[in-house]
N, C-alpha and C. Protein backbone atom coordinates (compact mmCIF):
# COMPACT_ATOMS: atom_id res chain seq x y z
N UNK A 1 46.23 198.81 13.59
CA UNK A 1 47.20 197.75 13.51
C UNK A 1 46.74 196.65 12.56
N UNK A 2 45.41 196.38 12.59
CA UNK A 2 44.86 195.36 11.70
C UNK A 2 45.00 195.79 10.24
N UNK A 3 44.80 197.06 9.97
CA UNK A 3 44.92 197.55 8.60
C UNK A 3 46.35 197.43 8.09
N UNK A 4 47.33 197.66 8.95
CA UNK A 4 48.73 197.50 8.56
C UNK A 4 49.03 196.04 8.25
N UNK A 5 48.55 195.13 9.09
CA UNK A 5 48.74 193.70 8.85
C UNK A 5 48.06 193.29 7.54
N UNK A 6 46.84 193.76 7.31
CA UNK A 6 46.12 193.45 6.08
C UNK A 6 46.86 193.99 4.86
N UNK A 7 47.40 195.18 4.98
CA UNK A 7 48.17 195.76 3.88
C UNK A 7 49.42 194.94 3.59
N UNK A 8 50.16 194.56 4.62
CA UNK A 8 51.40 193.81 4.41
C UNK A 8 51.14 192.42 3.83
N UNK A 9 50.10 191.77 4.29
CA UNK A 9 49.77 190.44 3.76
C UNK A 9 49.34 190.54 2.30
N UNK A 10 48.47 191.48 2.00
CA UNK A 10 48.00 191.61 0.62
C UNK A 10 49.11 192.08 -0.31
N UNK A 11 50.00 192.93 0.19
CA UNK A 11 51.13 193.36 -0.63
C UNK A 11 52.06 192.18 -0.93
N UNK A 12 52.31 191.37 0.07
CA UNK A 12 53.15 190.19 -0.15
C UNK A 12 52.53 189.22 -1.14
N UNK A 13 51.22 188.99 -1.02
CA UNK A 13 50.54 188.11 -1.97
C UNK A 13 50.58 188.67 -3.38
N UNK A 14 50.45 189.99 -3.50
CA UNK A 14 50.48 190.58 -4.82
C UNK A 14 51.87 190.47 -5.44
N UNK A 15 52.91 190.67 -4.67
CA UNK A 15 54.27 190.55 -5.19
C UNK A 15 54.55 189.13 -5.65
N UNK A 16 54.17 188.15 -4.84
CA UNK A 16 54.40 186.75 -5.22
C UNK A 16 53.59 186.35 -6.45
N UNK A 17 52.34 186.74 -6.51
CA UNK A 17 51.50 186.33 -7.64
C UNK A 17 51.90 187.03 -8.93
N UNK A 18 52.22 188.32 -8.87
CA UNK A 18 52.64 189.02 -10.08
C UNK A 18 54.00 188.50 -10.55
N UNK A 19 54.87 188.15 -9.61
CA UNK A 19 56.15 187.55 -9.99
C UNK A 19 55.96 186.24 -10.73
N UNK A 20 55.04 185.41 -10.26
CA UNK A 20 54.75 184.16 -10.96
C UNK A 20 54.12 184.42 -12.33
N UNK A 21 53.25 185.41 -12.41
CA UNK A 21 52.64 185.73 -13.70
C UNK A 21 53.68 186.19 -14.71
N UNK A 22 54.67 186.92 -14.26
CA UNK A 22 55.75 187.35 -15.16
C UNK A 22 56.57 186.15 -15.60
N UNK A 23 56.80 185.21 -14.68
CA UNK A 23 57.55 184.01 -15.06
C UNK A 23 56.79 183.16 -16.07
N UNK A 24 55.46 183.20 -16.05
CA UNK A 24 54.69 182.45 -17.03
C UNK A 24 54.88 182.99 -18.44
N UNK A 25 55.38 184.21 -18.58
CA UNK A 25 55.64 184.75 -19.92
C UNK A 25 56.78 184.02 -20.61
N UNK A 26 57.54 183.21 -19.87
CA UNK A 26 58.61 182.41 -20.48
C UNK A 26 58.06 181.33 -21.40
N UNK A 27 56.78 181.01 -21.27
CA UNK A 27 56.19 180.05 -22.20
C UNK A 27 56.23 180.57 -23.63
N UNK A 28 56.33 181.86 -23.78
CA UNK A 28 56.41 182.45 -25.12
C UNK A 28 57.69 182.01 -25.82
N UNK A 29 58.76 181.85 -25.06
CA UNK A 29 60.03 181.43 -25.67
C UNK A 29 60.02 179.96 -26.07
N UNK A 30 59.06 179.20 -25.55
CA UNK A 30 58.94 177.79 -25.92
C UNK A 30 58.13 177.60 -27.20
N UNK A 31 57.63 178.69 -27.75
CA UNK A 31 56.94 178.61 -29.03
C UNK A 31 55.44 178.78 -28.96
N UNK A 32 54.90 179.02 -27.76
CA UNK A 32 53.46 179.24 -27.64
C UNK A 32 53.11 180.64 -28.12
N UNK A 33 51.89 180.79 -28.65
CA UNK A 33 51.46 182.11 -29.11
C UNK A 33 51.02 182.96 -27.92
N UNK A 34 50.92 184.28 -28.15
CA UNK A 34 50.50 185.18 -27.08
C UNK A 34 49.10 184.84 -26.60
N UNK A 35 48.24 184.42 -27.51
CA UNK A 35 46.87 184.08 -27.16
C UNK A 35 46.83 182.91 -26.17
N UNK A 36 47.62 181.90 -26.42
CA UNK A 36 47.65 180.73 -25.55
C UNK A 36 48.27 181.09 -24.20
N UNK A 37 49.31 181.90 -24.21
CA UNK A 37 49.98 182.28 -22.96
C UNK A 37 49.03 183.10 -22.08
N UNK A 38 48.36 184.09 -22.65
CA UNK A 38 47.45 184.90 -21.85
C UNK A 38 46.22 184.12 -21.42
N UNK A 39 45.76 183.18 -22.24
CA UNK A 39 44.64 182.33 -21.83
C UNK A 39 45.05 181.50 -20.62
N UNK A 40 46.28 180.99 -20.64
CA UNK A 40 46.77 180.22 -19.50
C UNK A 40 46.91 181.10 -18.25
N UNK A 41 47.44 182.30 -18.44
CA UNK A 41 47.63 183.21 -17.30
C UNK A 41 46.29 183.59 -16.67
N UNK A 42 45.29 183.84 -17.48
CA UNK A 42 43.98 184.24 -16.95
C UNK A 42 43.27 183.11 -16.23
N UNK A 43 43.71 181.87 -16.41
CA UNK A 43 43.08 180.72 -15.76
C UNK A 43 43.80 180.29 -14.49
N UNK A 44 44.91 180.92 -14.14
CA UNK A 44 45.66 180.50 -12.96
C UNK A 44 45.10 181.17 -11.71
N UNK A 45 45.39 180.55 -10.57
CA UNK A 45 44.95 181.14 -9.31
C UNK A 45 45.77 182.37 -8.95
N UNK A 46 47.00 182.46 -9.46
CA UNK A 46 47.83 183.64 -9.17
C UNK A 46 47.21 184.90 -9.74
N UNK A 47 46.56 184.79 -10.87
CA UNK A 47 45.90 185.94 -11.48
C UNK A 47 44.79 186.47 -10.58
N UNK A 48 43.99 185.55 -10.04
CA UNK A 48 42.90 185.96 -9.16
C UNK A 48 43.41 186.44 -7.81
N UNK A 49 44.51 185.87 -7.34
CA UNK A 49 45.11 186.36 -6.10
C UNK A 49 45.65 187.77 -6.28
N UNK A 50 46.23 188.06 -7.44
CA UNK A 50 46.74 189.41 -7.71
C UNK A 50 45.61 190.42 -7.76
N UNK A 51 44.51 190.06 -8.38
CA UNK A 51 43.36 190.97 -8.44
C UNK A 51 42.78 191.20 -7.05
N UNK A 52 42.62 190.13 -6.29
CA UNK A 52 42.09 190.26 -4.93
C UNK A 52 42.99 191.07 -4.03
N UNK A 53 44.30 190.85 -4.13
CA UNK A 53 45.24 191.62 -3.32
C UNK A 53 45.24 193.08 -3.72
N UNK A 54 45.09 193.37 -5.00
CA UNK A 54 45.03 194.75 -5.46
C UNK A 54 43.78 195.45 -4.92
N UNK A 55 42.66 194.74 -4.89
CA UNK A 55 41.43 195.31 -4.35
C UNK A 55 41.58 195.59 -2.86
N UNK A 56 42.19 194.67 -2.12
CA UNK A 56 42.38 194.86 -0.68
C UNK A 56 43.32 196.03 -0.42
N UNK A 57 44.40 196.13 -1.19
CA UNK A 57 45.34 197.25 -1.01
C UNK A 57 44.64 198.57 -1.29
N UNK A 58 43.85 198.63 -2.35
CA UNK A 58 43.12 199.88 -2.65
C UNK A 58 42.14 200.22 -1.54
N UNK A 59 41.48 199.21 -0.99
CA UNK A 59 40.52 199.46 0.09
C UNK A 59 41.22 199.96 1.35
N UNK A 60 42.40 199.42 1.64
CA UNK A 60 43.12 199.84 2.85
C UNK A 60 43.74 201.21 2.67
N UNK A 61 44.36 201.44 1.54
CA UNK A 61 45.05 202.72 1.32
C UNK A 61 44.07 203.86 1.12
N UNK A 62 43.00 203.61 0.37
CA UNK A 62 42.02 204.67 0.10
C UNK A 62 40.98 204.79 1.20
N UNK A 63 41.09 203.94 2.22
CA UNK A 63 40.22 203.98 3.39
C UNK A 63 38.77 203.72 3.01
N UNK A 64 38.56 202.73 2.16
CA UNK A 64 37.20 202.37 1.75
C UNK A 64 36.60 201.41 2.76
N UNK A 65 35.35 201.59 3.07
CA UNK A 65 34.64 200.68 3.94
C UNK A 65 34.79 200.99 5.42
N UNK A 66 35.46 202.04 5.77
CA UNK A 66 35.62 202.41 7.17
C UNK A 66 34.84 203.69 7.43
N UNK A 67 33.88 203.62 8.33
CA UNK A 67 33.04 204.76 8.65
C UNK A 67 33.74 205.60 9.72
N UNK A 68 34.05 206.83 9.38
CA UNK A 68 34.75 207.72 10.32
C UNK A 68 33.84 208.83 10.84
N UNK A 69 32.56 208.66 10.69
CA UNK A 69 31.66 209.71 11.17
C UNK A 69 31.64 209.72 12.69
N UNK A 70 31.65 210.90 13.25
CA UNK A 70 31.65 211.06 14.71
C UNK A 70 30.32 211.56 15.21
N UNK A 71 29.30 211.58 14.35
CA UNK A 71 27.99 212.06 14.74
C UNK A 71 27.19 210.93 15.37
N UNK A 72 27.44 210.66 16.60
CA UNK A 72 26.71 209.60 17.31
C UNK A 72 25.80 210.25 18.34
N UNK A 73 24.59 209.74 18.41
CA UNK A 73 23.62 210.27 19.34
C UNK A 73 23.65 209.56 20.65
C-alpha cells in the first residue's frame, strides 16, 4: 500500500513539474534564445522535482531497493 501511495505522489509531482517546464518554453516566444531558456529551466526547482520523481517512479515500478529473499535462518 505504501508503494502505491509513493507511486501516486511521485507521479503527480512529475506531471505538475513537467507541465510547468513545458510552460517555461513560452519564454522562447518573448525573444529569448534557446540557451537562455534551457539555462533557466535547469535552474528551477521543478526540474529537480521532475528528476527526483522519475527516480522514485523507476525505483517503485522496477522494484529497486526491496529485498525479496526468503532465505532466512
